[in-house]
Amino acid sequence: MFNFWGSKDQQGQSRPPPEVSSSSQQQQPWYSPSLVSSPSSSSRPQTSGQIPAHVSPGEAAGIITFLKDKSVDELRKLLSDKDAYQQFLLSLDQVKIQNNIKDELRRETLQLARENLEKEPQIMELRNQCKIIRTTELATAQEKLNELERQKEEILKFYSPGSLLNKLQEAMNEVDEESEALQEKFLEKEIDTAAFVQKYKKLRTIYHRRALIHLAAKTSTIG
């Protein structure tokens, strides 16, 4: 016990208080001194301004409930002994819940990692199949597509207005030549008059029909 000034055992003679030995000195706290405001505040709970921002008021009240029944020595031990503080922290329900959630997430992550590793051969097989498809089937399909594109260009070119007019002109020329050849046969008396008239009339009708179509198509294209 400390001897206060004016006590009976001083008997009128003032005496300085005995020095405290190094063994009886209080152990230095393991946390930053700025976390504690003053010795007088250790006996009362911290105000809301001293509670970290990530701790809700309900959680803070629960922690204070655990602390209020502890003696001053126990509180000092929590402040000075890191192992005691860690043991107290792990005994809190909130910390237990968080640790359980963390352990569960770790187990689920490990399980997913194992499943992914088990599927690695299947993934490699699918990769090889995709590579084969790209190098063989895709190349064949691309070649077929190019051939179809070429055929499409030929068809479009074949049925273009200019190409159709040329073909119609060629058909007119063929009928005209055929009618001239028939006329030569008639002059050489290789065919009788009735047969000549019938065939010649048919050929000239075809010629003039094609000529009218050619003229109308040409006029429409130019317009």
C-alpha atoms as a PDB file:
ATOM      1  CA  MET A   1       0.000   0.000   0.000  1.00  0.00           C
ATOM      2  CA  PHE A   2       1.136   3.527  -0.753  1.00  0.00           C
ATOM      3  CA  ASN A   3       1.764   5.832   2.292  1.00  0.00           C
ATOM      4  CA  PHE A   4      -0.104   9.049   1.830  1.00  0.00           C
ATOM      5  CA  TRP A   5       1.082  12.346   3.251  1.00  0.00           C
ATOM      6  CA  GLY A   6      -0.105  13.007   6.883  1.00  0.00           C
ATOM      7  CA  SER A   7      -0.588   9.344   7.834  1.00  0.00           C
ATOM      8  CA  LYS A   8       0.006   8.150  11.446  1.00  0.00           C
ATOM      9  CA  ASP A   9       3.234   6.300  10.829  1.00  0.00           C
ATOM     10  CA  GLN A  10       4.854   9.506   9.595  1.00  0.00           C
ATOM     11  CA  GLN A  11       4.582  10.936  13.259  1.00  0.00           C
ATOM     12  CA  GLY A  12       5.172  14.521  12.209  1.00  0.00           C
ATOM     13  CA  GLN A  13       8.096  13.673   9.969  1.00  0.00           C
ATOM     14  CA  SER A  14       7.446  13.831   6.278  1.00  0.00           C
ATOM     15  CA  ARG A  15       8.913  10.992   4.340  1.00  0.00           C
ATOM     16  CA  PRO A  16       8.944  10.558   0.518  1.00  0.00           C
ATOM     17  CA  PRO A  17       7.022   7.533  -0.760  1.00  0.00           C
ATOM     18  CA  PRO A  18       9.093   4.429  -1.322  1.00  0.00           C
ATOM     19  CA  GLU A  19      10.328   3.782  -4.802  1.00  0.00           C
ATOM     20  CA  VAL A  20       8.502   1.165  -6.726  1.00  0.00           C
ATOM     21  CA  SER A  21      10.724  -1.707  -7.738  1.00  0.00           C
ATOM     22  CA  SER A  22      10.997  -2.767 -11.323  1.00  0.00           C
ATOM     23  CA  SER A  23       9.239  -6.042 -10.547  1.00  0.00           C
ATOM     24  CA  SER A  24       6.169  -4.243  -9.282  1.00  0.00           C
ATOM     25  CA  GLN A  25       5.937  -1.810 -12.185  1.00  0.00           C
ATOM     26  CA  GLN A  26       2.942  -2.267 -14.429  1.00  0.00           C
ATOM     27  CA  GLN A  27       3.670  -4.084 -17.684  1.00  0.00           C
ATOM     28  CA  GLN A  28       3.617  -1.821 -20.721  1.00  0.00           C
ATOM     29  CA  PRO A  29       0.480  -2.274 -22.868  1.00  0.00           C
ATOM     30  CA  TRP A  30       0.919  -4.069 -26.209  1.00  0.00           C
ATOM     31  CA  TYR A  31      -1.484  -1.687 -28.010  1.00  0.00           C
ATOM     32  CA  SER A  32      -0.973   1.989 -28.951  1.00  0.00           C
ATOM     33  CA  PRO A  33      -1.263   4.293 -25.858  1.00  0.00           C
ATOM     34  CA  SER A  34      -3.525   6.607 -27.855  1.00  0.00           C
ATOM     35  CA  LEU A  35      -6.271   3.990 -27.565  1.00  0.00           C
ATOM     36  CA  VAL A  36      -6.651   4.723 -23.841  1.00  0.00           C
ATOM     37  CA  SER A  37      -7.721   8.207 -22.790  1.00  0.00           C
ATOM     38  CA  SER A  38      -6.841   8.191 -19.055  1.00  0.00           C
ATOM     39  CA  PRO A  39      -6.658   5.788 -16.046  1.00  0.00           C
ATOM     40  CA  SER A  40      -9.843   7.259 -14.644  1.00  0.00           C
ATOM     41  CA  SER A  41     -11.742   6.291 -17.766  1.00  0.00           C
ATOM     42  CA  SER A  42     -10.841   2.580 -17.433  1.00  0.00           C
ATOM     43  CA  SER A  43     -13.625   1.986 -14.957  1.00  0.00           C
ATOM     44  CA  ARG A  44     -16.361   3.206 -17.289  1.00  0.00           C
ATOM     45  CA  PRO A  45     -17.341   2.088 -20.800  1.00  0.00           C
ATOM     46  CA  GLN A  46     -16.089   4.035 -23.790  1.00  0.00           C
ATOM     47  CA  THR A  47     -18.287   6.677 -25.349  1.00  0.00           C
ATOM     48  CA  SER A  48     -19.747   6.245 -28.812  1.00  0.00           C
ATOM     49  CA  GLY A  49     -17.022   8.461 -30.253  1.00  0.00           C
ATOM     50  CA  GLN A  50     -14.361   5.970 -29.142  1.00  0.00           C
ATOM     51  CA  ILE A  51     -16.017   2.963 -30.811  1.00  0.00           C
ATOM     52  CA  PRO A  52     -14.530   2.065 -34.214  1.00  0.00           C
ATOM     53  CA  ALA A  53     -16.707   3.001 -37.169  1.00  0.00           C
ATOM     54  CA  HIS A  54     -17.111  -0.617 -38.298  1.00  0.00           C
ATOM     55  CA  VAL A  55     -18.642  -1.754 -34.952  1.00  0.00           C
ATOM     56  CA  SER A  56     -22.394  -1.331 -34.663  1.00  0.00           C
ATOM     57  CA  PRO A  57     -23.918   0.020 -31.416  1.00  0.00           C
ATOM     58  CA  GLY A  58     -25.493  -3.368 -30.718  1.00  0.00           C
ATOM     59  CA  GLU A  59     -22.171  -5.166 -31.064  1.00  0.00           C
ATOM     60  CA  ALA A  60     -20.446  -2.561 -28.902  1.00  0.00           C
ATOM     61  CA  ALA A  61     -23.090  -2.988 -26.189  1.00  0.00           C
ATOM     62  CA  GLY A  62     -22.583  -6.744 -26.282  1.00  0.00           C
ATOM     63  CA  ILE A  63     -18.805  -6.359 -25.855  1.00  0.00           C
ATOM     64  CA  ILE A  64     -19.309  -3.916 -22.966  1.00  0.00           C
ATOM     65  CA  THR A  65     -21.580  -6.490 -21.298  1.00  0.00           C
ATOM     66  CA  PHE A  66     -18.682  -8.963 -21.336  1.00  0.00           C
ATOM     67  CA  LEU A  67     -16.302  -6.372 -19.911  1.00  0.00           C
ATOM     68  CA  LYS A  68     -18.411  -4.802 -17.154  1.00  0.00           C
ATOM     69  CA  ASP A  69     -18.227  -7.841 -14.835  1.00  0.00           C
ATOM     70  CA  LYS A  70     -14.438  -8.096 -15.013  1.00  0.00           C
ATOM     71  CA  SER A  71     -12.238  -6.777 -12.243  1.00  0.00           C
ATOM     72  CA  VAL A  72      -9.734  -4.010 -12.681  1.00  0.00           C
ATOM     73  CA  ASP A  73      -6.881  -6.515 -12.692  1.00  0.00           C
ATOM     74  CA  GLU A  74      -8.573  -8.542 -15.408  1.00  0.00           C
ATOM     75  CA  LEU A  75      -9.098  -5.424 -17.500  1.00  0.00           C
ATOM     76  CA  ARG A  76      -5.491  -4.409 -17.009  1.00  0.00           C
ATOM     77  CA  LYS A  77      -4.378  -7.848 -18.071  1.00  0.00           C
ATOM     78  CA  LEU A  78      -6.452  -7.548 -21.257  1.00  0.00           C
ATOM     79  CA  LEU A  79      -4.776  -4.221 -21.975  1.00  0.00           C
ATOM     80  CA  SER A  80      -1.248  -5.418 -21.238  1.00  0.00           C
ATOM     81  CA  ASP A  81      -1.271  -9.102 -22.222  1.00  0.00           C
ATOM     82  CA  LYS A  82      -1.740  -9.689 -25.928  1.00  0.00           C
ATOM     83  CA  ASP A  83      -2.415 -13.419 -25.504  1.00  0.00           C
ATOM     84  CA  ALA A  84      -5.089 -12.762 -22.866  1.00  0.00           C
ATOM     85  CA  TYR A  85      -6.676 -10.170 -25.123  1.00  0.00           C
ATOM     86  CA  GLN A  86      -6.617 -12.591 -28.061  1.00  0.00           C
ATOM     87  CA  GLN A  87      -8.220 -15.332 -25.965  1.00  0.00           C
ATOM     88  CA  PHE A  88     -10.931 -12.922 -24.798  1.00  0.00           C
ATOM     89  CA  LEU A  89     -11.528 -11.752 -28.373  1.00  0.00           C
ATOM     90  CA  LEU A  90     -11.960 -15.324 -29.647  1.00  0.00           C
ATOM     91  CA  SER A  91     -14.484 -16.017 -26.874  1.00  0.00           C
ATOM     92  CA  LEU A  92     -16.898 -13.335 -28.129  1.00  0.00           C
ATOM     93  CA  ASP A  93     -19.986 -14.622 -29.926  1.00  0.00           C
ATOM     94  CA  GLN A  94     -19.591 -12.094 -32.730  1.00  0.00           C
ATOM     95  CA  VAL A  95     -16.031 -13.243 -33.372  1.00  0.00           C
ATOM     96  CA  LYS A  96     -17.055 -16.891 -33.227  1.00  0.00           C
ATOM     97  CA  ILE A  97     -19.752 -16.266 -35.820  1.00  0.00           C
ATOM     98  CA  GLN A  98     -17.310 -14.460 -38.107  1.00  0.00           C
ATOM     99  CA  ASN A  99     -14.735 -17.223 -37.724  1.00  0.00           C
ATOM    100  CA  ASN A 100     -17.364 -19.863 -38.496  1.00  0.00           C
ATOM    101  CA  ILE A 101     -18.389 -17.971 -41.632  1.00  0.00           C
ATOM    102  CA  LYS A 102     -14.739 -17.617 -42.644  1.00  0.00           C
ATOM    103  CA  ASP A 103     -14.123 -21.336 -42.110  1.00  0.00           C
ATOM    104  CA  GLU A 104     -17.227 -22.220 -44.109  1.00  0.00           C
ATOM    105  CA  LEU A 105     -16.153 -19.980 -46.982  1.00  0.00           C
ATOM    106  CA  ARG A 106     -12.693 -21.527 -46.899  1.00  0.00           C
ATOM    107  CA  ARG A 107     -14.156 -25.025 -47.058  1.00  0.00           C
ATOM    108  CA  GLU A 108     -16.426 -24.081 -49.959  1.00  0.00           C
ATOM    109  CA  THR A 109     -13.537 -22.464 -51.821  1.00  0.00           C
ATOM    110  CA  LEU A 110     -11.388 -25.546 -51.370  1.00  0.00           C
ATOM    111  CA  GLN A 111     -14.250 -27.737 -52.544  1.00  0.00           C
ATOM    112  CA  LEU A 112     -14.714 -25.636 -55.675  1.00  0.00           C
ATOM    113  CA  ALA A 113     -10.968 -25.762 -56.316  1.00  0.00           C
ATOM    114  CA  ARG A 114     -10.995 -29.562 -56.026  1.00  0.00           C
ATOM    115  CA  GLU A 115     -13.948 -29.817 -58.399  1.00  0.00           C
ATOM    116  CA  ASN A 116     -12.189 -27.579 -60.909  1.00  0.00           C
ATOM    117  CA  LEU A 117      -9.053 -29.696 -60.703  1.00  0.00           C
ATOM    118  CA  GLU A 118     -11.128 -32.838 -61.249  1.00  0.00           C
ATOM    119  CA  LYS A 119     -12.651 -31.282 -64.363  1.00  0.00           C
ATOM    120  CA  GLU A 120      -9.289 -30.241 -65.784  1.00  0.00           C
ATOM    121  CA  PRO A 121      -8.910 -33.369 -68.012  1.00  0.00           C
ATOM    122  CA  GLN A 122     -12.390 -32.790 -69.417  1.00  0.00           C
ATOM    123  CA  ILE A 123     -11.558 -29.151 -70.059  1.00  0.00           C
ATOM    124  CA  MET A 124      -8.344 -30.124 -71.850  1.00  0.00           C
ATOM    125  CA  GLU A 125     -10.277 -32.625 -73.973  1.00  0.00           C
ATOM    126  CA  LEU A 126     -12.813 -29.992 -74.949  1.00  0.00           C
ATOM    127  CA  ARG A 127      -9.986 -27.630 -75.789  1.00  0.00           C
ATOM    128  CA  ASN A 128      -8.414 -30.208 -78.082  1.00  0.00           C
ATOM    129  CA  GLN A 129     -11.760 -30.834 -79.762  1.00  0.00           C
ATOM    130  CA  CYS A 130     -12.226 -27.113 -80.350  1.00  0.00           C
ATOM    131  CA  LYS A 131      -8.734 -26.938 -81.830  1.00  0.00           C
ATOM    132  CA  ILE A 132      -9.500 -29.851 -84.161  1.00  0.00           C
ATOM    133  CA  ILE A 133     -12.770 -28.238 -85.216  1.00  0.00           C
ATOM    134  CA  ARG A 134     -10.992 -24.966 -85.945  1.00  0.00           C
ATOM    135  CA  THR A 135      -8.267 -26.618 -88.029  1.00  0.00           C
ATOM    136  CA  THR A 136     -10.381 -29.173 -89.935  1.00  0.00           C
ATOM    137  CA  GLU A 137     -14.148 -28.726 -89.899  1.00  0.00           C
ATOM    138  CA  LEU A 138     -13.961 -24.955 -89.837  1.00  0.00           C
ATOM    139  CA  ALA A 139     -11.531 -24.932 -92.746  1.00  0.00           C
ATOM    140  CA  THR A 140     -13.848 -27.225 -94.732  1.00  0.00           C
ATOM    141  CA  ALA A 141     -16.857 -25.087 -93.925  1.00  0.00           C
ATOM    142  CA  GLN A 142     -14.938 -21.946 -94.930  1.00  0.00           C
ATOM    143  CA  GLU A 143     -13.974 -23.529 -98.235  1.00  0.00           C
ATOM    144  CA  LYS A 144     -17.596 -24.516 -98.892  1.00  0.00           C
ATOM    145  CA  LEU A 145     -18.734 -21.020 -98.026  1.00  0.00           C
ATOM    146  CA  ASN A 146     -16.249 -19.552-100.490  1.00  0.00           C
ATOM    147  CA  GLU A 147     -17.549 -21.898-103.194  1.00  0.00           C
ATOM    148  CA  LEU A 148     -21.139 -20.858-102.490  1.00  0.00           C
ATOM    149  CA  GLU A 149     -20.119 -17.212-102.634  1.00  0.00           C
ATOM    150  CA  ARG A 150     -18.507 -17.818-106.027  1.00  0.00           C
ATOM    151  CA  GLN A 151     -21.646 -19.562-107.310  1.00  0.00           C
ATOM    152  CA  LYS A 152     -23.778 -16.713-106.051  1.00  0.00           C
ATOM    153  CA  GLU A 153     -21.619 -14.202-107.918  1.00  0.00           C
ATOM    154  CA  GLU A 154     -21.902 -16.260-111.122  1.00  0.00           C
ATOM    155  CA  ILE A 155     -25.696 -16.528-110.771  1.00  0.00           C
ATOM    156  CA  LEU A 156     -26.029 -12.811-110.128  1.00  0.00           C
ATOM    157  CA  LYS A 157     -23.819 -12.116-113.099  1.00  0.00           C
ATOM    158  CA  PHE A 158     -25.793 -14.547-115.275  1.00  0.00           C
ATOM    159  CA  TYR A 159     -29.114 -12.912-114.424  1.00  0.00           C
ATOM    160  CA  SER A 160     -27.908  -9.347-114.541  1.00  0.00           C
ATOM    161  CA  PRO A 161     -29.840  -7.013-116.909  1.00  0.00           C
ATOM    162  CA  GLY A 162     -26.908  -6.702-119.295  1.00  0.00           C
ATOM    163  CA  SER A 163     -26.388 -10.464-119.436  1.00  0.00           C
ATOM    164  CA  LEU A 164     -30.089 -11.121-120.066  1.00  0.00           C
ATOM    165  CA  LEU A 165     -30.156  -8.551-122.878  1.00  0.00           C
ATOM    166  CA  ASN A 166     -27.143 -10.213-124.513  1.00  0.00           C
ATOM    167  CA  LYS A 167     -28.739 -13.642-124.298  1.00  0.00           C
ATOM    168  CA  LEU A 168     -31.987 -12.295-125.723  1.00  0.00           C
ATOM    169  CA  GLN A 169     -30.028 -10.741-128.573  1.00  0.00           C
ATOM    170  CA  GLU A 170     -28.284 -14.059-129.232  1.00  0.00           C
ATOM    171  CA  ALA A 171     -31.670 -15.848-129.268  1.00  0.00           C
ATOM    172  CA  MET A 172     -32.969 -13.269-131.799  1.00  0.00           C
ATOM    173  CA  ASN A 173     -29.937 -13.842-134.006  1.00  0.00           C
ATOM    174  CA  GLU A 174     -30.393 -17.616-133.887  1.00  0.00           C
ATOM    175  CA  VAL A 175     -34.043 -17.372-134.995  1.00  0.00           C
ATOM    176  CA  ASP A 176     -33.094 -14.875-137.703  1.00  0.00           C
ATOM    177  CA  GLU A 177     -30.376 -17.206-139.047  1.00  0.00           C
ATOM    178  CA  GLU A 178     -32.759 -20.155-138.904  1.00  0.00           C
ATOM    179  CA  SER A 179     -35.393 -18.233-140.897  1.00  0.00           C
ATOM    180  CA  GLU A 180     -32.748 -17.245-143.515  1.00  0.00           C
ATOM    181  CA  ALA A 181     -31.644 -20.865-143.810  1.00  0.00           C
ATOM    182  CA  LEU A 182     -35.285 -21.893-144.318  1.00  0.00           C
ATOM    183  CA  GLN A 183     -35.622 -19.237-147.002  1.00  0.00           C
ATOM    184  CA  GLU A 184     -32.542 -20.617-148.836  1.00  0.00           C
ATOM    185  CA  LYS A 185     -34.086 -24.086-148.790  1.00  0.00           C
ATOM    186  CA  PHE A 186     -37.293 -22.693-150.285  1.00  0.00           C
ATOM    187  CA  LEU A 187     -35.396 -20.922-153.089  1.00  0.00           C
ATOM    188  CA  GLU A 188     -33.551 -24.122-153.880  1.00  0.00           C
ATOM    189  CA  LYS A 189     -36.904 -25.932-153.874  1.00  0.00           C
ATOM    190  CA  GLU A 190     -35.897 -28.221-151.071  1.00  0.00           C
ATOM    191  CA  ILE A 191     -39.168 -27.503-149.267  1.00  0.00           C
ATOM    192  CA  ASP A 192     -42.660 -26.962-150.603  1.00  0.00           C
ATOM    193  CA  THR A 193     -44.499 -23.666-150.284  1.00  0.00           C
ATOM    194  CA  ALA A 194     -47.041 -24.701-147.636  1.00  0.00           C
ATOM    195  CA  ALA A 195     -44.387 -26.057-145.273  1.00  0.00           C
ATOM    196  CA  PHE A 196     -42.150 -23.040-145.901  1.00  0.00           C
ATOM    197  CA  VAL A 197     -44.918 -20.548-145.144  1.00  0.00           C
ATOM    198  CA  GLN A 198     -45.910 -22.308-141.943  1.00  0.00           C
ATOM    199  CA  LYS A 199     -42.371 -22.620-140.549  1.00  0.00           C
ATOM    200  CA  TYR A 200     -41.199 -19.232-141.764  1.00  0.00           C
ATOM    201  CA  LYS A 201     -44.214 -17.500-140.225  1.00  0.00           C
ATOM    202  CA  LYS A 202     -43.574 -19.209-136.893  1.00  0.00           C
ATOM    203  CA  LEU A 203     -39.862 -18.292-136.895  1.00  0.00           C
ATOM    204  CA  ARG A 204     -40.513 -14.630-137.749  1.00  0.00           C
ATOM    205  CA  THR A 205     -43.201 -14.417-135.072  1.00  0.00           C
ATOM    206  CA  ILE A 206     -40.698 -15.688-132.482  1.00  0.00           C
ATOM    207  CA  TYR A 207     -38.069 -13.268-133.766  1.00  0.00           C
ATOM    208  CA  HIS A 208     -40.302 -10.197-133.598  1.00  0.00           C
ATOM    209  CA  ARG A 209     -41.619 -11.175-130.130  1.00  0.00           C
ATOM    210  CA  ARG A 210     -38.061 -11.420-128.819  1.00  0.00           C
ATOM    211  CA  ALA A 211     -37.144  -8.189-130.573  1.00  0.00           C
ATOM    212  CA  LEU A 212     -40.004  -6.353-128.840  1.00  0.00           C
ATOM    213  CA  ILE A 213     -39.017  -7.806-125.463  1.00  0.00           C
ATOM    214  CA  HIS A 214     -35.381  -6.816-126.081  1.00  0.00           C
ATOM    215  CA  LEU A 215     -36.392  -3.270-127.035  1.00  0.00           C
ATOM    216  CA  ALA A 216     -38.667  -2.891-123.967  1.00  0.00           C
ATOM    217  CA  ALA A 217     -35.999  -4.286-121.589  1.00  0.00           C
ATOM    218  CA  LYS A 218     -33.300  -2.084-123.100  1.00  0.00           C
ATOM    219  CA  THR A 219     -35.495   1.008-122.819  1.00  0.00           C
ATOM    220  CA  SER A 220     -36.381   0.169-119.188  1.00  0.00           C
ATOM    221  CA  THR A 221     -32.708  -0.346-118.280  1.00  0.00           C
ATOM    222  CA  ILE A 222     -31.622   2.914-119.873  1.00  0.00           C
ATOM    223  CA  GLY A 223     -34.492   4.817-118.148  1.00  0.00           C
END
